[in-house]
Protein backbone atom coordinates (compact mmCIF):
# COMPACT_ATOMS: atom_id res chain seq x y z
CA UNK A 1 26.99 -4.04 46.50
CA UNK A 2 24.53 -1.22 46.52
CA UNK A 3 25.61 0.24 43.27
CA UNK A 4 25.20 -3.22 41.50
CA UNK A 5 21.47 -3.37 43.16
CA UNK A 6 20.63 0.08 41.89
CA UNK A 7 21.90 -1.02 38.52
CA UNK A 8 19.82 -4.22 38.32
CA UNK A 9 16.79 -2.17 39.74
CA UNK A 10 17.01 0.51 36.90
CA UNK A 11 17.43 -2.17 34.10
CA UNK A 12 14.40 -3.98 35.42
CA UNK A 13 12.45 -0.63 35.25
CA UNK A 14 13.51 0.42 31.71
CA UNK A 15 11.19 0.19 28.73
CA UNK A 16 11.30 -3.02 26.93
CA UNK A 17 12.49 -3.09 23.29
CA UNK A 18 10.18 -5.91 22.38
CA UNK A 19 7.80 -4.76 19.75
CA UNK A 20 3.97 -5.01 20.20
CA UNK A 21 2.17 -7.13 17.60
CA UNK A 22 0.39 -4.79 15.19
CA UNK A 23 -2.79 -5.17 13.24
CA UNK A 24 -2.60 -5.94 9.67
CA UNK A 25 -4.70 -2.88 9.21
CA UNK A 26 -2.80 0.36 10.37
CA UNK A 27 -3.34 3.98 9.67
CA UNK A 28 -0.55 4.83 7.46
CA UNK A 29 -0.68 8.39 8.85
CA UNK A 30 1.59 7.11 11.59
CA UNK A 31 -1.02 6.44 14.34
CA UNK A 32 -1.58 3.65 16.19
CA UNK A 33 -3.73 0.46 14.65
CA UNK A 34 -7.34 1.47 14.52
CA UNK A 35 -10.07 -0.33 16.12
CA UNK A 36 -11.14 -3.57 14.03
CA UNK A 37 -14.53 -2.16 12.94
CA UNK A 38 -13.11 1.16 11.84
CA UNK A 39 -9.51 0.38 10.77
CA UNK A 40 -8.11 2.38 7.87
CA UNK A 41 -5.03 1.44 6.37
CA UNK A 42 -3.37 -0.86 3.43
CA UNK A 43 -1.81 -4.40 3.25
CA UNK A 44 0.01 -6.00 0.56
CA UNK A 45 2.19 -5.22 -2.37
CA UNK A 46 2.99 -5.31 -5.85
CA UNK A 47 5.80 -6.11 -7.98
CA UNK A 48 7.05 -4.84 -11.24
CA UNK A 49 9.38 -6.75 -13.15
CA UNK A 50 10.89 -6.37 -16.78
CA UNK A 51 11.55 -2.81 -17.57
CA UNK A 52 11.98 -1.94 -13.71
CA UNK A 53 12.21 -4.43 -11.00
CA UNK A 54 10.84 -3.14 -7.62
CA UNK A 55 8.20 -4.04 -4.93
CA UNK A 56 5.74 -1.29 -4.11
CA UNK A 57 3.73 -0.78 -1.09
CA UNK A 58 1.42 2.37 -0.11
CA UNK A 59 3.51 5.24 0.86
CA UNK A 60 3.50 6.23 4.72
CA UNK A 61 1.09 8.97 5.38
CA UNK A 62 -1.70 7.84 2.83
CA UNK A 63 -5.03 8.00 4.47
CA UNK A 64 -6.96 4.91 3.87
CA UNK A 65 -9.00 5.32 0.54
CA UNK A 66 -10.27 3.00 -2.12
CA UNK A 67 -8.07 2.37 -5.13
CA UNK A 68 -10.51 4.03 -7.43
CA UNK A 69 -11.15 7.16 -5.33
CA UNK A 70 -10.02 10.62 -6.18
CA UNK A 71 -7.39 10.32 -3.74
CA UNK A 72 -6.01 7.01 -4.86
CA UNK A 73 -3.01 5.86 -2.80
CA UNK A 74 0.71 6.85 -3.62
CA UNK A 75 3.33 4.08 -3.66
CA UNK A 76 6.70 3.72 -2.31
CA UNK A 77 9.34 1.12 -3.76
CA UNK A 78 12.04 -0.96 -2.05
CA UNK A 79 14.39 1.20 -4.17
CA UNK A 80 13.14 4.33 -2.71
CA UNK A 81 11.33 5.48 -5.82
CA UNK A 82 7.65 6.77 -5.78
CA UNK A 83 4.78 5.96 -7.86
CA UNK A 84 0.87 6.01 -7.93
CA UNK A 85 -1.79 3.69 -8.39
CA UNK A 86 -5.26 3.32 -9.70
CA UNK A 87 -7.47 0.38 -10.24
CA UNK A 88 -11.02 0.75 -11.57
CA UNK A 89 -13.99 -1.34 -10.97
CA UNK A 90 -13.55 -2.99 -14.48
CA UNK A 91 -10.09 -4.11 -13.62
CA UNK A 92 -8.24 -1.29 -15.46
CA UNK A 93 -4.79 -0.62 -13.74
CA UNK A 94 -3.07 2.73 -14.18
CA UNK A 95 0.39 2.94 -12.56
CA UNK A 96 2.97 5.69 -13.07
CA UNK A 97 6.25 7.13 -11.68
CA UNK A 98 8.61 10.01 -12.57
CA UNK A 99 11.43 9.09 -10.29
CA UNK A 100 13.72 6.94 -12.74
CA UNK A 101 15.12 7.21 -16.11
CA UNK A 102 13.87 3.57 -16.74
CA UNK A 103 10.27 3.90 -15.69
CA UNK A 104 8.73 7.40 -16.55
CA UNK A 105 5.25 8.23 -17.16
CA UNK A 106 2.12 6.21 -17.04
CA UNK A 107 1.46 2.79 -17.85
CA UNK A 108 -1.97 1.06 -18.21
CA UNK A 109 -3.35 -2.42 -18.31
CA UNK A 110 -6.35 -4.62 -17.58
CA UNK A 111 -7.10 -7.73 -15.97
CA UNK A 112 -6.95 -6.92 -12.24
CA UNK A 113 -9.53 -8.95 -10.18
CA UNK A 114 -11.38 -6.49 -7.84
CA UNK A 115 -13.18 -6.62 -4.77
CA UNK A 116 -15.85 -3.92 -4.28
CA UNK A 117 -17.29 -2.45 -1.13
CA UNK A 118 -20.94 -3.14 -0.09
CA UNK A 119 -22.22 -0.53 -2.31
CA UNK A 120 -20.56 -1.69 -5.38
CA UNK A 121 -18.92 1.76 -6.07
CA UNK A 122 -15.39 1.38 -4.52
CA UNK A 123 -12.54 -0.85 -5.06
CA UNK A 124 -11.44 -2.14 -1.71
CA UNK A 125 -8.74 -4.80 -2.78
CA UNK A 126 -7.26 -6.21 -6.26
CA UNK A 127 -5.04 -8.98 -7.35
CA UNK A 128 -3.16 -8.32 -10.55
CA UNK A 129 -0.69 -10.29 -12.85
CA UNK A 130 -0.57 -8.48 -16.06
CA UNK A 131 1.60 -6.31 -18.39
CA UNK A 132 1.19 -2.57 -18.29
CA UNK A 133 1.81 -0.56 -21.34
CA UNK A 134 3.09 2.93 -21.58
CA UNK A 135 0.68 5.69 -22.52
CA UNK A 136 3.35 7.47 -24.56
CA UNK A 137 5.16 4.39 -26.54
CA UNK A 138 3.13 0.86 -26.67
CA UNK A 139 6.41 -0.79 -27.27
CA UNK A 140 7.27 -0.13 -23.50
CA UNK A 141 6.02 -2.48 -21.03
CA UNK A 142 6.31 -3.38 -17.52
CA UNK A 143 4.83 -6.26 -15.75
CA UNK A 144 2.89 -5.98 -12.59
CA UNK A 145 1.78 -8.82 -10.18
CA UNK A 146 0.81 -8.91 -6.66
CA UNK A 147 -2.33 -7.81 -4.58
CA UNK A 148 -3.32 -4.93 -2.12
CA UNK A 149 -6.19 -4.33 0.21
CA UNK A 150 -7.37 -1.25 1.82
CA UNK A 151 -9.47 -1.04 5.13
CA UNK A 152 -11.65 2.11 4.92
CA UNK A 153 -14.76 3.09 6.86
CA UNK A 154 -16.22 6.59 6.49
CA UNK A 155 -19.55 5.75 8.09
CA UNK A 156 -21.12 5.58 4.89
CA UNK A 157 -18.95 3.16 2.55
CA UNK A 158 -16.62 0.66 4.12
CA UNK A 159 -13.93 -1.77 2.81
CA UNK A 160 -13.57 -4.54 5.39
């Protein structure tokens, strides 16, 4: 009888496996969600189709930066491939990957709808639904659709 009670007491004290709700904006460096006023991180995804079908999110470990900054984010796909993305203020999208035979090199397109920070300098969010063309061979295209947002605040510029 004592063994059963001790077992029940230990089970009651064990750490719960229930997951804590997480903020949509988490620091992709592996840390805990930041305070809402200074949250850093990414949300959303883009999907490529046609030449290479995959869903892409910002790769873990990327520091929250605007999509047109010098340190624009690296992407990871649901197929374990890597890529990169840059979205300029004018809606130009530059996407690339070197991980697969099907999708090698840089692809560019236009028409992304962007949301800028309060200074008007940095791309905080974008929505895209367009064809991207290879910078090497204009006949090679990949379609990209979806949206992404970055939450960024360095004390001078911020993306809410």
